[in-house]
Amino acid sequence: MKQSFGIFAVSVFLISCASNSDEIKPLTSTTLSTTTLQEVTTLATTPKPAFHPPDEGEIFETIVKLCDLAFNSLKCEEDCFSSETNLIDCSNEAEEIGLE
């Protein structure tokens, strides 16, 4: 029943459109709005290169000596070698206590 009503409604719509098709007239002129495009400038920042902790040398040996004095030497080394800032802080601390 619902399906036959749906078909009936579509048929009425199509017939209505067909009978009114002679009333549809093409537009003679169309006015389009003017759009101005502006160039967008994006500044790309160069990412800082990844920090690679030293695996040998004077700073490495100094940090190892400093961390040998710590309660948890492994955690100390992980912290000191995790970033350039931490490495500098640990190096400064080692210098303060005379390990360099």
PDB file of N, CA and C in Angstrom:
ATOM      1  N   MET A   1       0.824  -1.187   0.000  1.00  0.00           N
ATOM      2  CA  MET A   1       0.000   0.000   0.000  1.00  0.00           C
ATOM      3  C   MET A   1       0.878   1.264   0.000  1.00  0.00           C
ATOM      4  N   LYS A   2       1.861   1.313   0.920  1.00  0.00           N
ATOM      5  CA  LYS A   2       2.749   2.476   0.993  1.00  0.00           C
ATOM      6  C   LYS A   2       3.541   2.635  -0.293  1.00  0.00           C
ATOM      7  N   GLN A   3       3.934   1.509  -0.854  1.00  0.00           N
ATOM      8  CA  GLN A   3       4.727   1.554  -2.078  1.00  0.00           C
ATOM      9  C   GLN A   3       3.900   2.102  -3.242  1.00  0.00           C
ATOM     10  N   SER A   4       2.645   1.688  -3.352  1.00  0.00           N
ATOM     11  CA  SER A   4       1.810   2.178  -4.447  1.00  0.00           C
ATOM     12  C   SER A   4       1.516   3.669  -4.274  1.00  0.00           C
ATOM     13  N   PHE A   5       1.363   4.149  -3.014  1.00  0.00           N
ATOM     14  CA  PHE A   5       1.170   5.573  -2.781  1.00  0.00           C
ATOM     15  C   PHE A   5       2.418   6.358  -3.188  1.00  0.00           C
ATOM     16  N   GLY A   6       3.604   5.803  -2.894  1.00  0.00           N
ATOM     17  CA  GLY A   6       4.861   6.447  -3.269  1.00  0.00           C
ATOM     18  C   GLY A   6       4.983   6.564  -4.780  1.00  0.00           C
ATOM     19  N   ILE A   7       4.635   5.515  -5.491  1.00  0.00           N
ATOM     20  CA  ILE A   7       4.693   5.530  -6.956  1.00  0.00           C
ATOM     21  C   ILE A   7       3.700   6.550  -7.497  1.00  0.00           C
ATOM     22  N   PHE A   8       2.482   6.619  -6.892  1.00  0.00           N
ATOM     23  CA  PHE A   8       1.467   7.574  -7.301  1.00  0.00           C
ATOM     24  C   PHE A   8       1.978   9.010  -7.108  1.00  0.00           C
ATOM     25  N   ALA A   9       2.607   9.278  -5.977  1.00  0.00           N
ATOM     26  CA  ALA A   9       3.093  10.628  -5.686  1.00  0.00           C
ATOM     27  C   ALA A   9       4.184  11.029  -6.668  1.00  0.00           C
ATOM     28  N   VAL A  10       5.088  10.130  -6.985  1.00  0.00           N
ATOM     29  CA  VAL A  10       6.157  10.418  -7.939  1.00  0.00           C
ATOM     30  C   VAL A  10       5.567  10.655  -9.322  1.00  0.00           C
ATOM     31  N   SER A  11       4.571   9.870  -9.704  1.00  0.00           N
ATOM     32  CA  SER A  11       3.933  10.029 -11.013  1.00  0.00           C
ATOM     33  C   SER A  11       3.274  11.389 -11.120  1.00  0.00           C
ATOM     34  N   VAL A  12       2.550  11.814 -10.078  1.00  0.00           N
ATOM     35  CA  VAL A  12       1.881  13.117 -10.090  1.00  0.00           C
ATOM     36  C   VAL A  12       2.918  14.214 -10.224  1.00  0.00           C
ATOM     37  N   PHE A  13       4.017  14.085  -9.516  1.00  0.00           N
ATOM     38  CA  PHE A  13       5.075  15.087  -9.567  1.00  0.00           C
ATOM     39  C   PHE A  13       5.666  15.181 -10.978  1.00  0.00           C
ATOM     40  N   LEU A  14       5.943  14.035 -11.604  1.00  0.00           N
ATOM     41  CA  LEU A  14       6.523  14.019 -12.938  1.00  0.00           C
ATOM     42  C   LEU A  14       5.564  14.597 -13.972  1.00  0.00           C
ATOM     43  N   ILE A  15       4.304  14.252 -13.851  1.00  0.00           N
ATOM     44  CA  ILE A  15       3.306  14.776 -14.787  1.00  0.00           C
ATOM     45  C   ILE A  15       3.192  16.287 -14.614  1.00  0.00           C
ATOM     46  N   SER A  16       3.204  16.742 -13.369  1.00  0.00           N
ATOM     47  CA  SER A  16       3.105  18.169 -13.091  1.00  0.00           C
ATOM     48  C   SER A  16       4.289  18.911 -13.679  1.00  0.00           C
ATOM     49  N   CYS A  17       5.475  18.356 -13.536  1.00  0.00           N
ATOM     50  CA  CYS A  17       6.678  18.982 -14.090  1.00  0.00           C
ATOM     51  C   CYS A  17       6.613  19.011 -15.613  1.00  0.00           C
ATOM     52  N   ALA A  18       6.139  17.936 -16.215  1.00  0.00           N
ATOM     53  CA  ALA A  18       6.075  17.861 -17.673  1.00  0.00           C
ATOM     54  C   ALA A  18       5.081  18.874 -18.225  1.00  0.00           C
ATOM     55  N   SER A  19       3.964  19.052 -17.552  1.00  0.00           N
ATOM     56  CA  SER A  19       2.958  19.983 -18.068  1.00  0.00           C
ATOM     57  C   SER A  19       3.387  21.431 -17.897  1.00  0.00           C
ATOM     58  N   ASN A  20       4.259  21.722 -16.926  1.00  0.00           N
ATOM     59  CA  ASN A  20       4.706  23.093 -16.697  1.00  0.00           C
ATOM     60  C   ASN A  20       6.040  23.387 -17.374  1.00  0.00           C
ATOM     61  N   SER A  21       6.563  22.463 -18.133  1.00  0.00           N
ATOM     62  CA  SER A  21       7.897  22.653 -18.713  1.00  0.00           C
ATOM     63  C   SER A  21       7.936  23.786 -19.720  1.00  0.00           C
ATOM     64  N   ASP A  22       6.788  24.109 -20.342  1.00  0.00           N
ATOM     65  CA  ASP A  22       6.784  25.202 -21.300  1.00  0.00           C
ATOM     66  C   ASP A  22       6.827  26.562 -20.602  1.00  0.00           C
ATOM     67  N   GLU A  23       6.572  26.576 -19.303  1.00  0.00           N
ATOM     68  CA  GLU A  23       6.613  27.823 -18.544  1.00  0.00           C
ATOM     69  C   GLU A  23       8.032  28.175 -18.099  1.00  0.00           C
ATOM     70  N   ILE A  24       8.941  27.236 -18.173  1.00  0.00           N
ATOM     71  CA  ILE A  24      10.320  27.469 -17.729  1.00  0.00           C
ATOM     72  C   ILE A  24      11.055  28.207 -18.831  1.00  0.00           C
ATOM     73  N   LYS A  25      11.596  29.351 -18.504  1.00  0.00           N
ATOM     74  CA  LYS A  25      12.317  30.154 -19.491  1.00  0.00           C
ATOM     75  C   LYS A  25      13.763  30.298 -19.045  1.00  0.00           C
ATOM     76  N   PRO A  26      14.678  30.206 -19.974  1.00  0.00           N
ATOM     77  CA  PRO A  26      16.082  30.367 -19.591  1.00  0.00           C
ATOM     78  C   PRO A  26      16.366  31.807 -19.185  1.00  0.00           C
ATOM     79  N   LEU A  27      17.315  31.979 -18.306  1.00  0.00           N
ATOM     80  CA  LEU A  27      17.731  33.314 -17.894  1.00  0.00           C
ATOM     81  C   LEU A  27      18.469  33.978 -19.039  1.00  0.00           C
ATOM     82  N   THR A  28      18.163  35.236 -19.272  1.00  0.00           N
ATOM     83  CA  THR A  28      18.814  35.933 -20.371  1.00  0.00           C
ATOM     84  C   THR A  28      20.151  36.528 -19.943  1.00  0.00           C
ATOM     85  N   SER A  29      20.252  36.930 -18.725  1.00  0.00           N
ATOM     86  CA  SER A  29      21.538  37.449 -18.251  1.00  0.00           C
ATOM     87  C   SER A  29      21.743  37.019 -16.813  1.00  0.00           C
ATOM     88  N   THR A  30      22.965  36.760 -16.505  1.00  0.00           N
ATOM     89  CA  THR A  30      23.318  36.341 -15.151  1.00  0.00           C
ATOM     90  C   THR A  30      24.414  37.256 -14.644  1.00  0.00           C
ATOM     91  N   THR A  31      24.234  37.754 -13.456  1.00  0.00           N
ATOM     92  CA  THR A  31      25.251  38.602 -12.848  1.00  0.00           C
ATOM     93  C   THR A  31      25.926  37.797 -11.744  1.00  0.00           C
ATOM     94  N   LEU A  32      27.206  37.629 -11.893  1.00  0.00           N
ATOM     95  CA  LEU A  32      27.973  36.906 -10.884  1.00  0.00           C
ATOM     96  C   LEU A  32      28.769  37.897 -10.063  1.00  0.00           C
ATOM     97  N   SER A  33      28.854  37.642  -8.784  1.00  0.00           N
ATOM     98  CA  SER A  33      29.633  38.531  -7.931  1.00  0.00           C
ATOM     99  C   SER A  33      31.120  38.317  -8.193  1.00  0.00           C
ATOM    100  N   THR A  34      31.858  39.367  -8.041  1.00  0.00           N
ATOM    101  CA  THR A  34      33.301  39.306  -8.274  1.00  0.00           C
ATOM    102  C   THR A  34      33.990  38.959  -6.962  1.00  0.00           C
ATOM    103  N   THR A  35      34.869  38.014  -7.023  1.00  0.00           N
ATOM    104  CA  THR A  35      35.606  37.601  -5.841  1.00  0.00           C
ATOM    105  C   THR A  35      37.079  37.909  -6.056  1.00  0.00           C
ATOM    106  N   THR A  36      37.678  38.513  -5.054  1.00  0.00           N
ATOM    107  CA  THR A  36      39.105  38.815  -5.128  1.00  0.00           C
ATOM    108  C   THR A  36      39.853  37.818  -4.250  1.00  0.00           C
ATOM    109  N   LEU A  37      40.816  37.180  -4.830  1.00  0.00           N
ATOM    110  CA  LEU A  37      41.637  36.236  -4.079  1.00  0.00           C
ATOM    111  C   LEU A  37      42.901  36.938  -3.619  1.00  0.00           C
ATOM    112  N   GLN A  38      43.230  36.747  -2.371  1.00  0.00           N
ATOM    113  CA  GLN A  38      44.457  37.318  -1.844  1.00  0.00           C
ATOM    114  C   GLN A  38      45.400  36.183  -1.506  1.00  0.00           C
ATOM    115  N   GLU A  39      46.652  36.416  -1.790  1.00  0.00           N
ATOM    116  CA  GLU A  39      47.658  35.403  -1.523  1.00  0.00           C
ATOM    117  C   GLU A  39      47.918  35.325  -0.024  1.00  0.00           C
ATOM    118  N   VAL A  40      47.947  34.141   0.481  1.00  0.00           N
ATOM    119  CA  VAL A  40      48.218  33.928   1.895  1.00  0.00           C
ATOM    120  C   VAL A  40      49.675  33.522   2.042  1.00  0.00           C
ATOM    121  N   THR A  41      50.367  34.244   2.887  1.00  0.00           N
ATOM    122  CA  THR A  41      51.768  33.940   3.124  1.00  0.00           C
ATOM    123  C   THR A  41      51.887  33.153   4.419  1.00  0.00           C
ATOM    124  N   THR A  42      52.496  32.010   4.340  1.00  0.00           N
ATOM    125  CA  THR A  42      52.704  31.177   5.513  1.00  0.00           C
ATOM    126  C   THR A  42      54.200  31.055   5.754  1.00  0.00           C
ATOM    127  N   LEU A  43      54.581  31.367   6.960  1.00  0.00           N
ATOM    128  CA  LEU A  43      55.989  31.231   7.311  1.00  0.00           C
ATOM    129  C   LEU A  43      56.218  29.840   7.872  1.00  0.00           C
ATOM    130  N   ALA A  44      57.091  29.122   7.246  1.00  0.00           N
ATOM    131  CA  ALA A  44      57.412  27.787   7.720  1.00  0.00           C
ATOM    132  C   ALA A  44      58.599  27.895   8.666  1.00  0.00           C
ATOM    133  N   THR A  45      58.438  27.305   9.814  1.00  0.00           N
ATOM    134  CA  THR A  45      59.538  27.313  10.767  1.00  0.00           C
ATOM    135  C   THR A  45      60.302  26.008  10.621  1.00  0.00           C
ATOM    136  N   THR A  46      61.575  26.130  10.630  1.00  0.00           N
ATOM    137  CA  THR A  46      62.412  24.947  10.529  1.00  0.00           C
ATOM    138  C   THR A  46      62.484  24.310  11.906  1.00  0.00           C
ATOM    139  N   PRO A  47      62.097  23.046  11.991  1.00  0.00           N
ATOM    140  CA  PRO A  47      62.138  22.400  13.303  1.00  0.00           C
ATOM    141  C   PRO A  47      63.574  22.269  13.791  1.00  0.00           C
ATOM    142  N   LYS A  48      63.708  22.391  15.078  1.00  0.00           N
ATOM    143  CA  LYS A  48      65.018  22.239  15.696  1.00  0.00           C
ATOM    144  C   LYS A  48      65.450  20.783  15.533  1.00  0.00           C
ATOM    145  N   PRO A  49      66.712  20.580  15.175  1.00  0.00           N
ATOM    146  CA  PRO A  49      67.147  19.190  15.008  1.00  0.00           C
ATOM    147  C   PRO A  49      66.994  18.406  16.317  1.00  0.00           C
ATOM    148  N   ALA A  50      66.742  17.135  16.170  1.00  0.00           N
ATOM    149  CA  ALA A  50      66.554  16.277  17.333  1.00  0.00           C
ATOM    150  C   ALA A  50      67.827  16.262  18.183  1.00  0.00           C
ATOM    151  N   PHE A  51      67.621  16.224  19.494  1.00  0.00           N
ATOM    152  CA  PHE A  51      68.755  16.191  20.421  1.00  0.00           C
ATOM    153  C   PHE A  51      69.343  14.788  20.458  1.00  0.00           C
ATOM    154  N   HIS A  52      70.636  14.716  20.268  1.00  0.00           N
ATOM    155  CA  HIS A  52      71.348  13.447  20.367  1.00  0.00           C
ATOM    156  C   HIS A  52      72.377  13.578  21.486  1.00  0.00           C
ATOM    157  N   PRO A  53      72.160  12.875  22.587  1.00  0.00           N
ATOM    158  CA  PRO A  53      73.090  13.008  23.709  1.00  0.00           C
ATOM    159  C   PRO A  53      74.455  12.433  23.347  1.00  0.00           C
ATOM    160  N   PRO A  54      75.495  12.965  23.960  1.00  0.00           N
ATOM    161  CA  PRO A  54      76.834  12.432  23.678  1.00  0.00           C
ATOM    162  C   PRO A  54      76.967  11.015  24.227  1.00  0.00           C
ATOM    163  N   ASP A  55      77.693  10.181  23.514  1.00  0.00           N
ATOM    164  CA  ASP A  55      77.930   8.819  24.002  1.00  0.00           C
ATOM    165  C   ASP A  55      79.399   8.601  24.350  1.00  0.00           C
ATOM    166  N   GLU A  56      80.169   9.674  24.273  1.00  0.00           N
ATOM    167  CA  GLU A  56      81.560   9.627  24.688  1.00  0.00           C
ATOM    168  C   GLU A  56      82.073  11.056  24.834  1.00  0.00           C
ATOM    169  N   GLY A  57      83.233  11.193  25.398  1.00  0.00           N
ATOM    170  CA  GLY A  57      83.830  12.518  25.544  1.00  0.00           C
ATOM    171  C   GLY A  57      83.788  13.010  26.979  1.00  0.00           C
ATOM    172  N   GLU A  58      84.325  14.224  27.165  1.00  0.00           N
ATOM    173  CA  GLU A  58      84.477  14.794  28.511  1.00  0.00           C
ATOM    174  C   GLU A  58      83.128  15.025  29.199  1.00  0.00           C
ATOM    175  N   ILE A  59      82.167  15.575  28.470  1.00  0.00           N
ATOM    176  CA  ILE A  59      80.860  15.836  29.087  1.00  0.00           C
ATOM    177  C   ILE A  59      80.192  14.526  29.491  1.00  0.00           C
ATOM    178  N   PHE A  60      80.266  13.526  28.634  1.00  0.00           N
ATOM    179  CA  PHE A  60      79.674  12.224  28.939  1.00  0.00           C
ATOM    180  C   PHE A  60      80.278  11.650  30.223  1.00  0.00           C
ATOM    181  N   GLU A  61      81.592  11.659  30.319  1.00  0.00           N
ATOM    182  CA  GLU A  61      82.279  11.112  31.496  1.00  0.00           C
ATOM    183  C   GLU A  61      81.934  11.907  32.761  1.00  0.00           C
ATOM    184  N   THR A  62      81.820  13.226  32.631  1.00  0.00           N
ATOM    185  CA  THR A  62      81.480  14.069  33.772  1.00  0.00           C
ATOM    186  C   THR A  62      80.079  13.749  34.280  1.00  0.00           C
ATOM    187  N   ILE A  63      79.137  13.566  33.368  1.00  0.00           N
ATOM    188  CA  ILE A  63      77.756  13.248  33.759  1.00  0.00           C
ATOM    189  C   ILE A  63      77.708  11.872  34.418  1.00  0.00           C
ATOM    190  N   VAL A  64      78.439  10.925  33.892  1.00  0.00           N
ATOM    191  CA  VAL A  64      78.474   9.585  34.488  1.00  0.00           C
ATOM    192  C   VAL A  64      79.027   9.663  35.915  1.00  0.00           C
ATOM    193  N   LYS A  65      80.090  10.451  36.119  1.00  0.00           N
ATOM    194  CA  LYS A  65      80.654  10.626  37.470  1.00  0.00           C
ATOM    195  C   LYS A  65      79.630  11.272  38.402  1.00  0.00           C
ATOM    196  N   LEU A  66      78.932  12.294  37.894  1.00  0.00           N
ATOM    197  CA  LEU A  66      77.911  12.966  38.696  1.00  0.00           C
ATOM    198  C   LEU A  66      76.822  11.986  39.094  1.00  0.00           C
ATOM    199  N   CYS A  67      76.359  11.191  38.162  1.00  0.00           N
ATOM    200  CA  CYS A  67      75.252  10.272  38.426  1.00  0.00           C
ATOM    201  C   CYS A  67      75.681   9.089  39.295  1.00  0.00           C
ATOM    202  N   ASP A  68      76.968   8.762  39.290  1.00  0.00           N
ATOM    203  CA  ASP A  68      77.457   7.708  40.197  1.00  0.00           C
ATOM    204  C   ASP A  68      77.264   8.123  41.655  1.00  0.00           C
ATOM    205  N   LEU A  69      77.249   9.425  41.906  1.00  0.00           N
ATOM    206  CA  LEU A  69      77.062   9.934  43.260  1.00  0.00           C
ATOM    207  C   LEU A  69      75.583   9.991  43.652  1.00  0.00           C
ATOM    208  N   ALA A  70      74.704   9.883  42.691  1.00  0.00           N
ATOM    209  CA  ALA A  70      73.263  10.000  42.956  1.00  0.00           C
ATOM    210  C   ALA A  70      72.712   8.721  43.563  1.00  0.00           C
ATOM    211  N   PHE A  71      71.596   8.854  44.277  1.00  0.00           N
ATOM    212  CA  PHE A  71      70.929   7.705  44.887  1.00  0.00           C
ATOM    213  C   PHE A  71      70.452   6.733  43.816  1.00  0.00           C
ATOM    214  N   ASN A  72      69.857   7.254  42.747  1.00  0.00           N
ATOM    215  CA  ASN A  72      69.387   6.422  41.639  1.00  0.00           C
ATOM    216  C   ASN A  72      70.158   6.851  40.391  1.00  0.00           C
ATOM    217  N   SER A  73      71.323   6.248  40.181  1.00  0.00           N
ATOM    218  CA  SER A  73      72.211   6.683  39.106  1.00  0.00           C
ATOM    219  C   SER A  73      71.596   6.499  37.713  1.00  0.00           C
ATOM    220  N   LEU A  74      70.815   5.440  37.517  1.00  0.00           N
ATOM    221  CA  LEU A  74      70.197   5.218  36.209  1.00  0.00           C
ATOM    222  C   LEU A  74      69.196   6.324  35.889  1.00  0.00           C
ATOM    223  N   LYS A  75      68.378   6.697  36.858  1.00  0.00           N
ATOM    224  CA  LYS A  75      67.398   7.768  36.665  1.00  0.00           C
ATOM    225  C   LYS A  75      68.124   9.091  36.417  1.00  0.00           C
ATOM    226  N   CYS A  76      69.221   9.324  37.122  1.00  0.00           N
ATOM    227  CA  CYS A  76      70.018  10.531  36.940  1.00  0.00           C
ATOM    228  C   CYS A  76      70.534  10.619  35.501  1.00  0.00           C
ATOM    229  N   GLU A  77      71.080   9.522  34.993  1.00  0.00           N
ATOM    230  CA  GLU A  77      71.592   9.513  33.615  1.00  0.00           C
ATOM    231  C   GLU A  77      70.471   9.731  32.602  1.00  0.00           C
ATOM    232  N   GLU A  78      69.324   9.080  32.830  1.00  0.00           N
ATOM    233  CA  GLU A  78      68.185   9.277  31.924  1.00  0.00           C
ATOM    234  C   GLU A  78      67.767  10.741  31.892  1.00  0.00           C
ATOM    235  N   ASP A  79      67.711  11.358  33.072  1.00  0.00           N
ATOM    236  CA  ASP A  79      67.309  12.768  33.146  1.00  0.00           C
ATOM    237  C   ASP A  79      68.346  13.673  32.488  1.00  0.00           C
ATOM    238  N   CYS A  80      69.613  13.461  32.802  1.00  0.00           N
ATOM    239  CA  CYS A  80      70.669  14.331  32.275  1.00  0.00           C
ATOM    240  C   CYS A  80      70.807  14.218  30.757  1.00  0.00           C
ATOM    241  N   PHE A  81      70.627  13.040  30.217  1.00  0.00           N
ATOM    242  CA  PHE A  81      70.801  12.838  28.781  1.00  0.00           C
ATOM    243  C   PHE A  81      69.488  12.955  27.987  1.00  0.00           C
ATOM    244  N   SER A  82      68.399  13.389  28.645  1.00  0.00           N
ATOM    245  CA  SER A  82      67.107  13.459  27.960  1.00  0.00           C
ATOM    246  C   SER A  82      66.966  14.687  27.067  1.00  0.00           C
ATOM    247  N   SER A  83      67.657  15.775  27.387  1.00  0.00           N
ATOM    248  CA  SER A  83      67.554  16.982  26.562  1.00  0.00           C
ATOM    249  C   SER A  83      68.824  17.809  26.711  1.00  0.00           C
ATOM    250  N   GLU A  84      68.986  18.726  25.783  1.00  0.00           N
ATOM    251  CA  GLU A  84      70.164  19.589  25.813  1.00  0.00           C
ATOM    252  C   GLU A  84      70.162  20.468  27.067  1.00  0.00           C
ATOM    253  N   THR A  85      68.999  20.955  27.445  1.00  0.00           N
ATOM    254  CA  THR A  85      68.886  21.793  28.641  1.00  0.00           C
ATOM    255  C   THR A  85      69.288  21.005  29.884  1.00  0.00           C
ATOM    256  N   ASN A  86      68.774  19.785  30.013  1.00  0.00           N
ATOM    257  CA  ASN A  86      69.123  18.954  31.177  1.00  0.00           C
ATOM    258  C   ASN A  86      70.604  18.615  31.181  1.00  0.00           C
ATOM    259  N   LEU A  87      71.171  18.375  30.013  1.00  0.00           N
ATOM    260  CA  LEU A  87      72.598  18.059  29.914  1.00  0.00           C
ATOM    261  C   LEU A  87      73.436  19.238  30.416  1.00  0.00           C
ATOM    262  N   ILE A  88      73.039  20.439  30.021  1.00  0.00           N
ATOM    263  CA  ILE A  88      73.765  21.633  30.465  1.00  0.00           C
ATOM    264  C   ILE A  88      73.612  21.814  31.970  1.00  0.00           C
ATOM    265  N   ASP A  89      72.396  21.617  32.491  1.00  0.00           N
ATOM    266  CA  ASP A  89      72.172  21.740  33.934  1.00  0.00           C
ATOM    267  C   ASP A  89      73.013  20.744  34.715  1.00  0.00           C
ATOM    268  N   CYS A  90      73.046  19.504  34.253  1.00  0.00           N
ATOM    269  CA  CYS A  90      73.840  18.474  34.946  1.00  0.00           C
ATOM    270  C   CYS A  90      75.325  18.784  34.854  1.00  0.00           C
ATOM    271  N   SER A  91      75.749  19.270  33.703  1.00  0.00           N
ATOM    272  CA  SER A  91      77.147  19.629  33.529  1.00  0.00           C
ATOM    273  C   SER A  91      77.527  20.776  34.476  1.00  0.00           C
ATOM    274  N   ASN A  92      76.656  21.762  34.596  1.00  0.00           N
ATOM    275  CA  ASN A  92      76.894  22.873  35.524  1.00  0.00           C
ATOM    276  C   ASN A  92      76.932  22.397  36.969  1.00  0.00           C
ATOM    277  N   GLU A  93      76.051  21.473  37.302  1.00  0.00           N
ATOM    278  CA  GLU A  93      76.038  20.913  38.652  1.00  0.00           C
ATOM    279  C   GLU A  93      77.334  20.155  38.941  1.00  0.00           C
ATOM    280  N   ALA A  94      77.791  19.387  37.967  1.00  0.00           N
ATOM    281  CA  ALA A  94      79.047  18.652  38.135  1.00  0.00           C
ATOM    282  C   ALA A  94      80.217  19.622  38.313  1.00  0.00           C
ATOM    283  N   GLU A  95      80.184  20.717  37.570  1.00  0.00           N
ATOM    284  CA  GLU A  95      81.248  21.724  37.695  1.00  0.00           C
ATOM    285  C   GLU A  95      81.225  22.357  39.089  1.00  0.00           C
ATOM    286  N   GLU A  96      80.025  22.626  39.624  1.00  0.00           N
ATOM    287  CA  GLU A  96      79.893  23.230  40.949  1.00  0.00           C
ATOM    288  C   GLU A  96      80.483  22.345  42.041  1.00  0.00           C
ATOM    289  N   ILE A  97      80.350  21.041  41.888  1.00  0.00           N
ATOM    290  CA  ILE A  97      80.880  20.156  42.937  1.00  0.00           C
ATOM    291  C   ILE A  97      82.300  19.675  42.608  1.00  0.00           C
ATOM    292  N   GLY A  98      82.854  20.210  41.538  1.00  0.00           N
ATOM    293  CA  GLY A  98      84.258  19.938  41.210  1.00  0.00           C
ATOM    294  C   GLY A  98      84.549  18.632  40.492  1.00  0.00           C
ATOM    295  N   LEU A  99      83.609  18.143  39.705  1.00  0.00           N
ATOM    296  CA  LEU A  99      83.850  16.886  38.981  1.00  0.00           C
ATOM    297  C   LEU A  99      84.437  17.089  37.606  1.00  0.00           C
ATOM    298  N   GLU A 100      84.533  18.303  37.128  1.00  0.00           N
ATOM    299  CA  GLU A 100      85.095  18.528  35.794  1.00  0.00           C
ATOM    300  C   GLU A 100      86.569  18.707  35.873  1.00  0.00           C
TER     301      GLU A 100
END
